[in-house]
PDB file of N, CA and C in Angstrom:
ATOM      1  N   MET A   1      24.562  -4.600  15.963  1.00  0.00           N
ATOM      2  CA  MET A   1      25.195  -3.633  15.237  1.00  0.00           C
ATOM      3  C   MET A   1      24.562  -3.333  13.769  1.00  0.00           C
ATOM      4  N   PHE A   2      23.695  -3.447  13.374  1.00  0.00           N
ATOM      5  CA  PHE A   2      22.974  -3.374  11.839  1.00  0.00           C
ATOM      6  C   PHE A   2      21.939  -1.739  12.616  1.00  0.00           C
ATOM      7  N   THR A   3      21.642  -2.098  13.183  1.00  0.00           N
ATOM      8  CA  THR A   3      20.729  -1.279  14.393  1.00  0.00           C
ATOM      9  C   THR A   3      21.689  -0.204  14.423  1.00  0.00           C
ATOM     10  N   PHE A   4      22.555  -0.055  15.478  1.00  0.00           N
ATOM     11  CA  PHE A   4      23.777   1.401  15.631  1.00  0.00           C
ATOM     12  C   PHE A   4      24.365   1.718  14.645  1.00  0.00           C
ATOM     13  N   LEU A   5      24.767   0.812  13.826  1.00  0.00           N
ATOM     14  CA  LEU A   5      25.012   1.700  12.811  1.00  0.00           C
ATOM     15  C   LEU A   5      24.004   2.763  12.293  1.00  0.00           C
ATOM     16  N   LEU A   6      23.088   1.952  11.549  1.00  0.00           N
ATOM     17  CA  LEU A   6      21.882   2.653  11.009  1.00  0.00           C
ATOM     18  C   LEU A   6      21.402   4.218  11.938  1.00  0.00           C
ATOM     19  N   ILE A   7      21.750   3.943  13.442  1.00  0.00           N
ATOM     20  CA  ILE A   7      21.142   5.686  13.839  1.00  0.00           C
ATOM     21  C   ILE A   7      22.573   6.312  13.693  1.00  0.00           C
ATOM     22  N   LEU A   8      23.735   5.482  14.328  1.00  0.00           N
ATOM     23  CA  LEU A   8      24.863   6.942  13.839  1.00  0.00           C
ATOM     24  C   LEU A   8      24.741   7.739  12.245  1.00  0.00           C
ATOM     25  N   LEU A   9      24.434   6.734  11.328  1.00  0.00           N
ATOM     26  CA  LEU A   9      23.932   7.362  10.167  1.00  0.00           C
ATOM     27  C   LEU A   9      23.219   8.369  10.074  1.00  0.00           C
ATOM     28  N   ILE A  10      22.140   8.528  11.038  1.00  0.00           N
ATOM     29  CA  ILE A  10      20.834   9.374  10.940  1.00  0.00           C
ATOM     30  C   ILE A  10      21.225  10.102  11.763  1.00  0.00           C
ATOM     31  N   LEU A  11      21.888  10.118  12.174  1.00  0.00           N
ATOM     32  CA  LEU A  11      22.308  11.342  13.038  1.00  0.00           C
ATOM     33  C   LEU A  11      23.539  12.129  12.566  1.00  0.00           C
ATOM     34  N   ASP A  12      24.665  11.828  11.754  1.00  0.00           N
ATOM     35  CA  ASP A  12      25.256  12.360  11.162  1.00  0.00           C
ATOM     36  C   ASP A  12      24.479  12.942  10.188  1.00  0.00           C
ATOM     37  N   CYS A  13      23.488  12.512   9.823  1.00  0.00           N
ATOM     38  CA  CYS A  13      22.777  13.037   8.745  1.00  0.00           C
ATOM     39  C   CYS A  13      22.315  14.487   9.184  1.00  0.00           C
ATOM     40  N   PHE A  14      21.837  14.111  10.206  1.00  0.00           N
ATOM     41  CA  PHE A  14      21.075  14.928  10.746  1.00  0.00           C
ATOM     42  C   PHE A  14      21.943  16.239  11.266  1.00  0.00           C
ATOM     43  N   LEU A  15      23.032  16.023  11.628  1.00  0.00           N
ATOM     44  CA  LEU A  15      23.861  16.871  12.000  1.00  0.00           C
ATOM     45  C   LEU A  15      25.199  17.533  10.518  1.00  0.00           C
ATOM     46  N   LEU A  16      24.555  16.791   9.416  1.00  0.00           N
ATOM     47  CA  LEU A  16      25.389  17.365   8.156  1.00  0.00           C
ATOM     48  C   LEU A  16      24.390  18.318   7.951  1.00  0.00           C
ATOM     49  N   PHE A  17      23.392  18.364   7.230  1.00  0.00           N
ATOM     50  CA  PHE A  17      22.434  19.510   7.006  1.00  0.00           C
ATOM     51  C   PHE A  17      22.882  20.936   7.606  1.00  0.00           C
ATOM     52  N   PRO A  18      22.876  21.047   9.230  1.00  0.00           N
ATOM     53  CA  PRO A  18      23.146  22.625   9.376  1.00  0.00           C
ATOM     54  C   PRO A  18      24.562  23.271   8.972  1.00  0.00           C
ATOM     55  N   VAL A  19      25.498  21.872   9.486  1.00  0.00           N
ATOM     56  CA  VAL A  19      26.840  22.517   8.833  1.00  0.00           C
ATOM     57  C   VAL A  19      27.132  22.816   7.605  1.00  0.00           C
ATOM     58  N   VAL A  20      26.618  21.995   6.556  1.00  0.00           N
ATOM     59  CA  VAL A  20      26.543  22.413   5.212  1.00  0.00           C
ATOM     60  C   VAL A  20      25.787  23.910   4.714  1.00  0.00           C
ATOM     61  N   LEU A  21      24.978  24.092   5.401  1.00  0.00           N
ATOM     62  CA  LEU A  21      23.746  25.265   5.072  1.00  0.00           C
ATOM     63  C   LEU A  21      24.154  26.425   5.967  1.00  0.00           C
ATOM     64  N   LEU A  22      25.079  26.234   6.834  1.00  0.00           N
ATOM     65  CA  LEU A  22      25.879  27.109   7.595  1.00  0.00           C
ATOM     66  C   LEU A  22      26.944  27.864   6.833  1.00  0.00           C
ATOM     67  N   GLN A  23      27.297  27.801   5.852  1.00  0.00           N
ATOM     68  CA  GLN A  23      29.023  27.695   5.348  1.00  0.00           C
ATOM     69  C   GLN A  23      28.287  28.726   5.117  1.00  0.00           C
ATOM     70  N   SER A  24      29.632  29.608   5.003  1.00  0.00           N
ATOM     71  CA  SER A  24      29.140  31.134   4.101  1.00  0.00           C
ATOM     72  C   SER A  24      29.753  30.862   2.667  1.00  0.00           C
ATOM     73  N   GLY A  25      28.857  31.340   1.153  1.00  0.00           N
ATOM     74  CA  GLY A  25      29.790  31.660  -0.279  1.00  0.00           C
ATOM     75  C   GLY A  25      31.078  31.972   0.125  1.00  0.00           C
ATOM     76  N   LYS A  26      31.319  31.258  -0.916  1.00  0.00           N
ATOM     77  CA  LYS A  26      32.760  31.441  -1.597  1.00  0.00           C
ATOM     78  C   LYS A  26      33.245  32.531  -1.908  1.00  0.00           C
ATOM     79  N   GLY A  27      32.117  32.422  -2.682  1.00  0.00           N
ATOM     80  CA  GLY A  27      32.182  34.634  -3.889  1.00  0.00           C
ATOM     81  C   GLY A  27      33.538  33.956  -5.244  1.00  0.00           C
ATOM     82  N   GLY A  28      33.004  34.276  -6.150  1.00  0.00           N
ATOM     83  CA  GLY A  28      33.240  34.167  -7.328  1.00  0.00           C
ATOM     84  C   GLY A  28      33.410  33.276  -7.704  1.00  0.00           C
ATOM     85  N   GLY A  29      34.508  31.604  -8.008  1.00  0.00           N
ATOM     86  CA  GLY A  29      34.231  30.763  -8.619  1.00  0.00           C
ATOM     87  C   GLY A  29      33.511  30.935 -10.166  1.00  0.00           C
ATOM     88  N   LEU A  30      32.864  29.481 -10.260  1.00  0.00           N
ATOM     89  CA  LEU A  30      31.826  29.115 -11.495  1.00  0.00           C
ATOM     90  C   LEU A  30      30.798  30.693 -12.033  1.00  0.00           C
ATOM     91  N   ALA A  31      30.435  31.577 -10.894  1.00  0.00           N
ATOM     92  CA  ALA A  31      29.357  32.229 -11.128  1.00  0.00           C
ATOM     93  C   ALA A  31      30.265  33.282 -11.531  1.00  0.00           C
ATOM     94  N   ALA A  32      31.191  33.779 -11.409  1.00  0.00           N
ATOM     95  CA  ALA A  32      32.185  34.812 -11.803  1.00  0.00           C
ATOM     96  C   ALA A  32      32.949  34.512 -13.242  1.00  0.00           C
ATOM     97  N   MET A  33      32.549  33.528 -13.526  1.00  0.00           N
ATOM     98  CA  MET A  33      32.905  32.878 -14.560  1.00  0.00           C
ATOM     99  C   MET A  33      33.222  34.336 -16.247  1.00  0.00           C
ATOM    100  N   GLY A  34      31.919  34.662 -16.461  1.00  0.00           N
ATOM    101  CA  GLY A  34      31.598  35.137 -17.552  1.00  0.00           C
ATOM    102  C   GLY A  34      32.585  36.690 -17.507  1.00  0.00           C
ATOM    103  N   GLY A  35      32.657  37.100 -16.480  1.00  0.00           N
ATOM    104  CA  GLY A  35      33.015  38.251 -16.441  1.00  0.00           C
ATOM    105  C   GLY A  35      33.766  39.140 -15.096  1.00  0.00           C
ATOM    106  N   GLY A  36      35.096  38.979 -15.698  1.00  0.00           N
ATOM    107  CA  GLY A  36      36.063  39.812 -14.748  1.00  0.00           C
ATOM    108  C   GLY A  36      36.326  38.872 -14.012  1.00  0.00           C
ATOM    109  N   ALA A  37      36.757  37.643 -14.083  1.00  0.00           N
ATOM    110  CA  ALA A  37      37.442  36.218 -12.721  1.00  0.00           C
ATOM    111  C   ALA A  37      38.690  36.017 -13.801  1.00  0.00           C
ATOM    112  N   SER A  38      39.693  36.138 -12.879  1.00  0.00           N
ATOM    113  CA  SER A  38      41.040  35.793 -13.653  1.00  0.00           C
ATOM    114  C   SER A  38      41.405  34.573 -13.750  1.00  0.00           C
ATOM    115  N   THR A  39      42.341  34.400 -14.590  1.00  0.00           N
ATOM    116  CA  THR A  39      42.600  32.696 -14.961  1.00  0.00           C
ATOM    117  C   THR A  39      42.925  31.819 -13.386  1.00  0.00           C
ATOM    118  N   ASP A  40      43.754  32.414 -12.811  1.00  0.00           N
ATOM    119  CA  ASP A  40      44.137  31.841 -11.728  1.00  0.00           C
ATOM    120  C   ASP A  40      43.054  31.558 -10.511  1.00  0.00           C
ATOM    121  N   THR A  41      41.817  32.252 -10.402  1.00  0.00           N
ATOM    122  CA  THR A  41      40.445  31.901  -9.379  1.00  0.00           C
ATOM    123  C   THR A  41      39.926  31.484 -10.761  1.00  0.00           C
ATOM    124  N   PHE A  42      40.420  30.564 -11.587  1.00  0.00           N
ATOM    125  CA  PHE A  42      38.852  29.638 -12.688  1.00  0.00           C
ATOM    126  C   PHE A  42      37.714  29.255 -11.287  1.00  0.00           C
ATOM    127  N   PHE A  43      38.270  28.589 -10.347  1.00  0.00           N
ATOM    128  CA  PHE A  43      36.776  27.786  -9.814  1.00  0.00           C
ATOM    129  C   PHE A  43      37.325  28.291  -8.534  1.00  0.00           C
ATOM    130  N   GLY A  44      37.969  29.558  -8.406  1.00  0.00           N
ATOM    131  CA  GLY A  44      37.632  30.106  -6.779  1.00  0.00           C
ATOM    132  C   GLY A  44      38.895  30.257  -6.455  1.00  0.00           C
ATOM    133  N   GLY A  45      39.203  31.357  -5.729  1.00  0.00           N
ATOM    134  CA  GLY A  45      40.361  31.279  -4.852  1.00  0.00           C
ATOM    135  C   GLY A  45      40.195  30.235  -3.526  1.00  0.00           C
ATOM    136  N   ARG A  46      41.259  29.796  -3.447  1.00  0.00           N
ATOM    137  CA  ARG A  46      41.464  28.653  -2.311  1.00  0.00           C
ATOM    138  C   ARG A  46      41.917  29.411  -0.618  1.00  0.00           C
ATOM    139  N   GLN A  47      40.509  29.142  -0.116  1.00  0.00           N
ATOM    140  CA  GLN A  47      40.412  29.955   1.407  1.00  0.00           C
ATOM    141  C   GLN A  47      40.860  29.031   2.213  1.00  0.00           C
ATOM    142  N   ALA A  48      41.042  29.994   3.400  1.00  0.00           N
ATOM    143  CA  ALA A  48      41.354  29.517   4.588  1.00  0.00           C
ATOM    144  C   ALA A  48      40.476  27.964   5.033  1.00  0.00           C
ATOM    145  N   ALA A  49      40.489  27.231   5.391  1.00  0.00           N
ATOM    146  CA  ALA A  49      39.514  26.343   5.750  1.00  0.00           C
ATOM    147  C   ALA A  49      38.796  26.685   7.331  1.00  0.00           C
ATOM    148  N   THR A  50      37.862  26.675   7.481  1.00  0.00           N
ATOM    149  CA  THR A  50      37.327  27.121   9.085  1.00  0.00           C
ATOM    150  C   THR A  50      37.056  25.580   9.354  1.00  0.00           C
ATOM    151  N   LEU A  51      35.976  26.244  10.349  1.00  0.00           N
ATOM    152  CA  LEU A  51      35.490  24.872  11.372  1.00  0.00           C
ATOM    153  C   LEU A  51      34.833  23.973  10.697  1.00  0.00           C
ATOM    154  N   LEU A  52      33.467  24.998   9.963  1.00  0.00           N
ATOM    155  CA  LEU A  52      32.926  24.231   9.304  1.00  0.00           C
ATOM    156  C   LEU A  52      32.936  23.653   8.174  1.00  0.00           C
ATOM    157  N   THR A  53      34.306  23.993   7.510  1.00  0.00           N
ATOM    158  CA  THR A  53      34.469  23.591   6.326  1.00  0.00           C
ATOM    159  C   THR A  53      34.818  22.407   6.840  1.00  0.00           C
ATOM    160  N   LYS A  54      35.981  21.871   7.339  1.00  0.00           N
ATOM    161  CA  LYS A  54      36.544  20.509   7.780  1.00  0.00           C
ATOM    162  C   LYS A  54      35.060  19.758   8.289  1.00  0.00           C
ATOM    163  N   LEU A  55      34.037  20.245   9.276  1.00  0.00           N
ATOM    164  CA  LEU A  55      33.229  19.348  10.040  1.00  0.00           C
ATOM    165  C   LEU A  55      32.534  18.710   8.798  1.00  0.00           C
ATOM    166  N   SER A  56      32.578  19.222   7.745  1.00  0.00           N
ATOM    167  CA  SER A  56      31.204  19.545   6.503  1.00  0.00           C
ATOM    168  C   SER A  56      32.130  18.237   5.519  1.00  0.00           C
ATOM    169  N   TRP A  57      33.487  18.065   5.672  1.00  0.00           N
ATOM    170  CA  TRP A  57      34.477  16.938   4.769  1.00  0.00           C
ATOM    171  C   TRP A  57      34.323  15.646   5.793  1.00  0.00           C
ATOM    172  N   TRP A  58      34.359  15.871   6.925  1.00  0.00           N
ATOM    173  CA  TRP A  58      34.153  14.964   8.017  1.00  0.00           C
ATOM    174  C   TRP A  58      33.111  14.118   7.618  1.00  0.00           C
ATOM    175  N   MET A  59      32.128  14.683   8.182  1.00  0.00           N
ATOM    176  CA  MET A  59      30.897  14.628   8.469  1.00  0.00           C
ATOM    177  C   MET A  59      30.357  13.758   6.913  1.00  0.00           C
ATOM    178  N   GLY A  60      30.539  14.193   6.111  1.00  0.00           N
ATOM    179  CA  GLY A  60      30.399  13.897   4.920  1.00  0.00           C
ATOM    180  C   GLY A  60      31.067  12.343   4.673  1.00  0.00           C
ATOM    181  N   GLY A  61      32.502  12.405   4.736  1.00  0.00           N
ATOM    182  CA  GLY A  61      33.306  11.022   4.309  1.00  0.00           C
ATOM    183  C   GLY A  61      32.380   9.771   5.499  1.00  0.00           C
ATOM    184  N   ILE A  62      32.094  10.549   7.052  1.00  0.00           N
ATOM    185  CA  ILE A  62      31.664   9.613   7.626  1.00  0.00           C
ATOM    186  C   ILE A  62      30.374   8.496   7.877  1.00  0.00           C
ATOM    187  N   PHE A  63      29.701   9.386   5.984  1.00  0.00           N
ATOM    188  CA  PHE A  63      28.038   9.588   6.061  1.00  0.00           C
ATOM    189  C   PHE A  63      28.331   8.462   4.927  1.00  0.00           C
ATOM    190  N   LEU A  64      29.190   8.900   4.117  1.00  0.00           N
ATOM    191  CA  LEU A  64      29.477   7.368   2.943  1.00  0.00           C
ATOM    192  C   LEU A  64      30.388   6.451   3.466  1.00  0.00           C
ATOM    193  N   VAL A  65      31.081   6.002   4.376  1.00  0.00           N
ATOM    194  CA  VAL A  65      31.610   4.924   4.977  1.00  0.00           C
ATOM    195  C   VAL A  65      30.736   4.426   5.336  1.00  0.00           C
ATOM    196  N   LEU A  66      29.822   4.744   6.406  1.00  0.00           N
ATOM    197  CA  LEU A  66      29.015   4.434   6.947  1.00  0.00           C
ATOM    198  C   LEU A  66      27.557   4.301   5.967  1.00  0.00           C
ATOM    199  N   ALA A  67      27.630   4.632   5.200  1.00  0.00           N
ATOM    200  CA  ALA A  67      26.089   4.015   3.894  1.00  0.00           C
ATOM    201  C   ALA A  67      27.345   2.967   3.034  1.00  0.00           C
ATOM    202  N   LEU A  68      28.244   2.992   3.222  1.00  0.00           N
ATOM    203  CA  LEU A  68      28.633   1.370   2.450  1.00  0.00           C
ATOM    204  C   LEU A  68      28.672   0.205   3.067  1.00  0.00           C
ATOM    205  N   ILE A  69      28.906   0.609   4.061  1.00  0.00           N
ATOM    206  CA  ILE A  69      29.048  -0.828   4.807  1.00  0.00           C
ATOM    207  C   ILE A  69      27.095  -1.555   5.102  1.00  0.00           C
ATOM    208  N   LEU A  70      26.675  -0.310   5.742  1.00  0.00           N
ATOM    209  CA  LEU A  70      25.386  -0.501   5.847  1.00  0.00           C
ATOM    210  C   LEU A  70      24.764  -1.443   5.070  1.00  0.00           C
ATOM    211  N   ALA A  71      25.277  -1.234   3.495  1.00  0.00           N
ATOM    212  CA  ALA A  71      24.979  -1.362   2.326  1.00  0.00           C
ATOM    213  C   ALA A  71      25.368  -2.751   1.718  1.00  0.00           C
ATOM    214  N   GLY A  72      26.730  -3.041   2.371  1.00  0.00           N
ATOM    215  CA  GLY A  72      27.305  -4.030   2.074  1.00  0.00           C
ATOM    216  C   GLY A  72      26.691  -5.022   3.075  1.00  0.00           C
ATOM    217  N   MET A  73      26.248  -4.668   4.495  1.00  0.00           N
ATOM    218  CA  MET A  73      25.699  -5.605   5.286  1.00  0.00           C
ATOM    219  C   MET A  73      24.119  -6.407   4.745  1.00  0.00           C
ATOM    220  N   SER A  74      23.362  -5.128   4.503  1.00  0.00           N
ATOM    221  CA  SER A  74      22.313  -5.926   4.158  1.00  0.00           C
ATOM    222  C   SER A  74      22.191  -6.563   2.761  1.00  0.00           C
ATOM    223  N   SER A  75      22.691  -6.499   2.192  1.00  0.00           N
ATOM    224  CA  SER A  75      23.016  -7.121   0.960  1.00  0.00           C
ATOM    225  C   SER A  75      23.738  -8.553   1.374  1.00  0.00           C
ATOM    226  N   HIS A  76      24.450  -9.041   2.236  1.00  0.00           N
ATOM    227  CA  HIS A  76      25.128  -9.974   2.374  1.00  0.00           C
ATOM    228  C   HIS A  76      24.745 -11.092   3.250  1.00  0.00           C
ATOM    229  N   GLY A  77      23.772 -10.395   4.080  1.00  0.00           N
ATOM    230  CA  GLY A  77      23.019 -11.342   5.202  1.00  0.00           C
ATOM    231  C   GLY A  77      21.335 -11.789   4.074  1.00  0.00           C
ATOM    232  N   ALA A  78      20.955 -10.874   2.808  1.00  0.00           N
ATOM    233  CA  ALA A  78      20.109 -11.228   2.872  1.00  0.00           C
ATOM    234  C   ALA A  78      20.155 -12.179   1.509  1.00  0.00           C
ATOM    235  N   GLN A  79      19.145 -13.056   1.426  1.00  0.00           N
ATOM    236  CA  GLN A  79      18.947 -13.967   0.584  1.00  0.00           C
ATOM    237  C   GLN A  79      17.640 -13.955  -0.783  1.00  0.00           C
ATOM    238  N   PRO A  80      17.791 -14.496  -1.365  1.00  0.00           N
ATOM    239  CA  PRO A  80      16.382 -13.834  -2.218  1.00  0.00           C
ATOM    240  C   PRO A  80      15.376 -14.730  -1.621  1.00  0.00           C
ATOM    241  N   ARG A  81      13.976 -13.977  -1.723  1.00  0.00           N
ATOM    242  CA  ARG A  81      13.101 -14.531  -1.471  1.00  0.00           C
ATOM    243  C   ARG A  81      12.176 -13.876  -2.421  1.00  0.00           C
ATOM    244  N   SER A  82      10.771 -14.496  -2.576  1.00  0.00           N
ATOM    245  CA  SER A  82      10.356 -14.558  -2.671  1.00  0.00           C
ATOM    246  C   SER A  82       8.750 -13.538  -2.432  1.00  0.00           C
ATOM    247  N   VAL A  83       8.581 -12.522  -3.646  1.00  0.00           N
ATOM    248  CA  VAL A  83       7.815 -10.831  -3.064  1.00  0.00           C
ATOM    249  C   VAL A  83       6.359 -11.992  -2.557  1.00  0.00           C
ATOM    250  N   LEU A  84       6.115 -12.731  -2.450  1.00  0.00           N
ATOM    251  CA  LEU A  84       4.536 -13.626  -2.253  1.00  0.00           C
ATOM    252  C   LEU A  84       4.884 -14.036  -0.679  1.00  0.00           C
ATOM    253  N   GLU A  85       6.299 -14.648  -0.345  1.00  0.00           N
ATOM    254  CA  GLU A  85       6.506 -14.913   0.814  1.00  0.00           C
ATOM    255  C   GLU A  85       6.169 -13.747   2.114  1.00  0.00           C
ATOM    256  N   GLY A  86       5.533 -14.947   2.674  1.00  0.00           N
ATOM    257  CA  GLY A  86       4.403 -14.216   3.717  1.00  0.00           C
ATOM    258  C   GLY A  86       3.424 -13.886   3.522  1.00  0.00           C
ATOM    259  N   GLN A  87       3.058 -13.960   2.620  1.00  0.00           N
ATOM    260  CA  GLN A  87       1.277 -14.003   1.977  1.00  0.00           C
ATOM    261  C   GLN A  87       0.786 -14.864   2.900  1.00  0.00           C
ATOM    262  N   LEU A  88      -1.008 -14.360   2.873  1.00  0.00           N
ATOM    263  CA  LEU A  88      -1.695 -15.698   3.104  1.00  0.00           C
ATOM    264  C   LEU A  88      -2.236 -16.396   1.831  1.00  0.00           C
ATOM    265  N   GLN A  89      -1.945 -17.540   2.524  1.00  0.00           N
ATOM    266  CA  GLN A  89      -1.660 -18.563   1.810  1.00  0.00           C
ATOM    267  C   GLN A  89      -3.999 -18.531   1.341  1.00  0.00           C
ATOM    268  N   ALA A  90      -3.992 -18.984  -0.727  1.00  0.00           N
ATOM    269  CA  ALA A  90      -5.428 -18.680  -0.556  1.00  0.00           C
ATOM    270  C   ALA A  90      -5.511 -20.058  -0.047  1.00  0.00           C
ATOM    271  N   PRO A  91      -7.301 -19.843   0.229  1.00  0.00           N
ATOM    272  CA  PRO A  91      -8.049 -21.271   0.763  1.00  0.00           C
ATOM    273  C   PRO A  91      -8.015 -22.347  -0.077  1.00  0.00           C
ATOM    274  N   ALA A  92      -8.229 -23.327   0.279  1.00  0.00           N
ATOM    275  CA  ALA A  92      -8.041 -24.667  -0.549  1.00  0.00           C
ATOM    276  C   ALA A  92      -9.426 -24.153  -1.578  1.00  0.00           C
ATOM    277  N   PRO A  93      -9.266 -24.815  -2.660  1.00  0.00           N
ATOM    278  CA  PRO A  93     -10.584 -24.606  -3.889  1.00  0.00           C
ATOM    279  C   PRO A  93     -12.173 -25.709  -3.052  1.00  0.00           C
ATOM    280  N   VAL A  94     -12.736 -25.000  -2.853  1.00  0.00           N
ATOM    281  CA  VAL A  94     -14.221 -26.210  -2.843  1.00  0.00           C
ATOM    282  C   VAL A  94     -14.796 -27.130  -4.040  1.00  0.00           C
ATOM    283  N   ASN A  95     -14.752 -28.270  -3.693  1.00  0.00           N
ATOM    284  CA  ASN A  95     -14.912 -29.318  -4.629  1.00  0.00           C
ATOM    285  C   ASN A  95     -16.492 -28.875  -4.673  1.00  0.00           C
ATOM    286  N   VAL A  96     -17.156 -28.293  -5.998  1.00  0.00           N
ATOM    287  CA  VAL A  96     -18.203 -27.964  -6.293  1.00  0.00           C
ATOM    288  C   VAL A  96     -19.026 -29.110  -7.350  1.00  0.00           C
ATOM    289  N   GLN A  97     -19.761 -29.784  -7.287  1.00  0.00           N
ATOM    290  CA  GLN A  97     -20.278 -30.893  -8.303  1.00  0.00           C
ATOM    291  C   GLN A  97     -21.278 -30.115  -9.202  1.00  0.00           C
ATOM    292  N   PRO A  98     -21.260 -29.857 -10.313  1.00  0.00           N
ATOM    293  CA  PRO A  98     -22.550 -29.559 -11.112  1.00  0.00           C
ATOM    294  C   PRO A  98     -22.986 -30.164 -11.293  1.00  0.00           C
ATOM    295  N   LEU A  99     -24.314 -30.300 -11.463  1.00  0.00           N
ATOM    296  CA  LEU A  99     -25.959 -30.909 -12.084  1.00  0.00           C
ATOM    297  C   LEU A  99     -25.746 -31.092 -13.046  1.00  0.00           C
ATOM    298  N   PRO A 100     -25.920 -32.289 -12.986  1.00  0.00           N
ATOM    299  CA  PRO A 100     -26.123 -33.104 -14.504  1.00  0.00           C
ATOM    300  C   PRO A 100     -26.649 -32.212 -15.679  1.00  0.00           C
ATOM    301  N   LEU A 101     -26.717 -32.356 -16.776  1.00  0.00           N
ATOM    302  CA  LEU A 101     -27.354 -31.560 -17.916  1.00  0.00           C
ATOM    303  C   LEU A 101     -28.967 -32.419 -18.181  1.00  0.00           C
ATOM    304  N   ASP A 102     -29.273 -32.937 -17.727  1.00  0.00           N
ATOM    305  CA  ASP A 102     -29.917 -34.009 -18.500  1.00  0.00           C
ATOM    306  C   ASP A 102     -31.167 -34.005 -17.133  1.00  0.00           C
ATOM    307  N   VAL A 103     -31.398 -32.968 -16.277  1.00  0.00           N
ATOM    308  CA  VAL A 103     -32.068 -33.030 -14.868  1.00  0.00           C
ATOM    309  C   VAL A 103     -32.860 -31.585 -15.377  1.00  0.00           C
ATOM    310  N   GLU A 104     -34.521 -32.110 -15.480  1.00  0.00           N
ATOM    311  CA  GLU A 104     -35.872 -30.822 -15.932  1.00  0.00           C
ATOM    312  C   GLU A 104     -36.420 -30.775 -14.653  1.00  0.00           C
ATOM    313  N   PRO A 105     -36.904 -30.595 -14.141  1.00  0.00           N
ATOM    314  CA  PRO A 105     -37.941 -29.963 -12.773  1.00  0.00           C
ATOM    315  C   PRO A 105     -39.080 -30.593 -13.261  1.00  0.00           C
ATOM    316  N   ALA A 106     -39.016 -31.392 -11.938  1.00  0.00           N
ATOM    317  CA  ALA A 106     -40.675 -32.123 -12.234  1.00  0.00           C
ATOM    318  C   ALA A 106     -42.309 -30.901 -12.018  1.00  0.00           C
ATOM    319  N   PRO A 107     -43.288 -31.752 -12.399  1.00  0.00           N
ATOM    320  CA  PRO A 107     -44.374 -30.802 -12.177  1.00  0.00           C
ATOM    321  C   PRO A 107     -44.801 -30.590 -10.526  1.00  0.00           C
ATOM    322  N   GLY A 108     -44.190 -31.388  -9.725  1.00  0.00           N
ATOM    323  CA  GLY A 108     -44.150 -31.002  -8.382  1.00  0.00           C
ATOM    324  C   GLY A 108     -43.181 -30.437  -7.452  1.00  0.00           C
ATOM    325  N   GLY A 109     -42.167 -29.989  -8.279  1.00  0.00           N
ATOM    326  CA  GLY A 109     -40.919 -29.390  -8.313  1.00  0.00           C
ATOM    327  C   GLY A 109     -39.715 -29.781  -7.875  1.00  0.00           C
ATOM    328  N   ALA A 110     -40.102 -31.629  -7.567  1.00  0.00           N
ATOM    329  CA  ALA A 110     -38.730 -32.100  -7.488  1.00  0.00           C
ATOM    330  C   ALA A 110     -38.018 -32.186  -8.643  1.00  0.00           C
ATOM    331  N   THR A 111     -36.508 -33.147  -8.311  1.00  0.00           N
ATOM    332  CA  THR A 111     -36.067 -32.797 -10.081  1.00  0.00           C
ATOM    333  C   THR A 111     -36.280 -35.047 -10.005  1.00  0.00           C
ATOM    334  N   GLN A 112     -36.058 -34.579 -11.812  1.00  0.00           N
ATOM    335  CA  GLN A 112     -35.944 -36.089 -11.766  1.00  0.00           C
ATOM    336  C   GLN A 112     -35.100 -36.149 -13.368  1.00  0.00           C
ATOM    337  N   PRO A 113     -34.550 -36.772 -13.599  1.00  0.00           N
ATOM    338  CA  PRO A 113     -33.824 -37.300 -14.678  1.00  0.00           C
ATOM    339  C   PRO A 113     -34.299 -37.646 -15.843  1.00  0.00           C
ATOM    340  N   THR A 114     -34.413 -37.300 -16.784  1.00  0.00           N
ATOM    341  CA  THR A 114     -34.684 -37.497 -18.202  1.00  0.00           C
ATOM    342  C   THR A 114     -34.190 -38.834 -18.800  1.00  0.00           C
ATOM    343  N   PRO A 115     -35.212 -39.263 -19.563  1.00  0.00           N
ATOM    344  CA  PRO A 115     -34.962 -40.415 -20.008  1.00  0.00           C
ATOM    345  C   PRO A 115     -33.871 -40.326 -21.183  1.00  0.00           C
ATOM    346  N   PRO A 116     -33.423 -41.118 -21.605  1.00  0.00           N
ATOM    347  CA  PRO A 116     -32.139 -40.944 -22.890  1.00  0.00           C
ATOM    348  C   PRO A 116     -32.970 -40.844 -23.812  1.00  0.00           C
ATOM    349  N   PRO A 117     -32.801 -40.206 -24.941  1.00  0.00           N
ATOM    350  CA  PRO A 117     -33.549 -40.249 -26.139  1.00  0.00           C
ATOM    351  C   PRO A 117     -33.398 -41.928 -27.197  1.00  0.00           C
ATOM    352  N   GLU A 118     -33.980 -42.350 -27.273  1.00  0.00           N
ATOM    353  CA  GLU A 118     -33.508 -43.752 -28.240  1.00  0.00           C
ATOM    354  C   GLU A 118     -33.362 -43.195 -29.248  1.00  0.00           C
ATOM    355  N   ASN A 119     -32.056 -44.570 -29.728  1.00  0.00           N
ATOM    356  CA  ASN A 119     -31.707 -44.273 -31.111  1.00  0.00           C
ATOM    357  C   ASN A 119     -32.659 -44.713 -31.986  1.00  0.00           C
ATOM    358  N   GLN A 120     -32.667 -44.010 -33.621  1.00  0.00           N
ATOM    359  CA  GLN A 120     -33.421 -44.801 -34.671  1.00  0.00           C
ATOM    360  C   GLN A 120     -33.127 -45.304 -35.256  1.00  0.00           C
TER     361      GLN A 120
END
């Protein structure tokens, strides 16, 4: 269901672009505020609703409703997850034993422990 609604939202979006961009300018409105616009047309006069105007309102409403439904569906089913979930686990550390500090190399290349110092 989520995928179907998402496809509808994307189709609506691609159809909404040309419908909005093909509309002609209304003229006047806020652009004419500084010079010569009368008070009865402060935000522009009421013009007849064209097919493109009606389509833009309907498609915009459909876009908002679908976006709201999809947002609710995606947040409702989601459970809090860790960002690191699904990442590869770090390899287990290798247990390396350090050499004892009292080992000195022998003249033949082999190592032998030195005797501890005698307490005097």
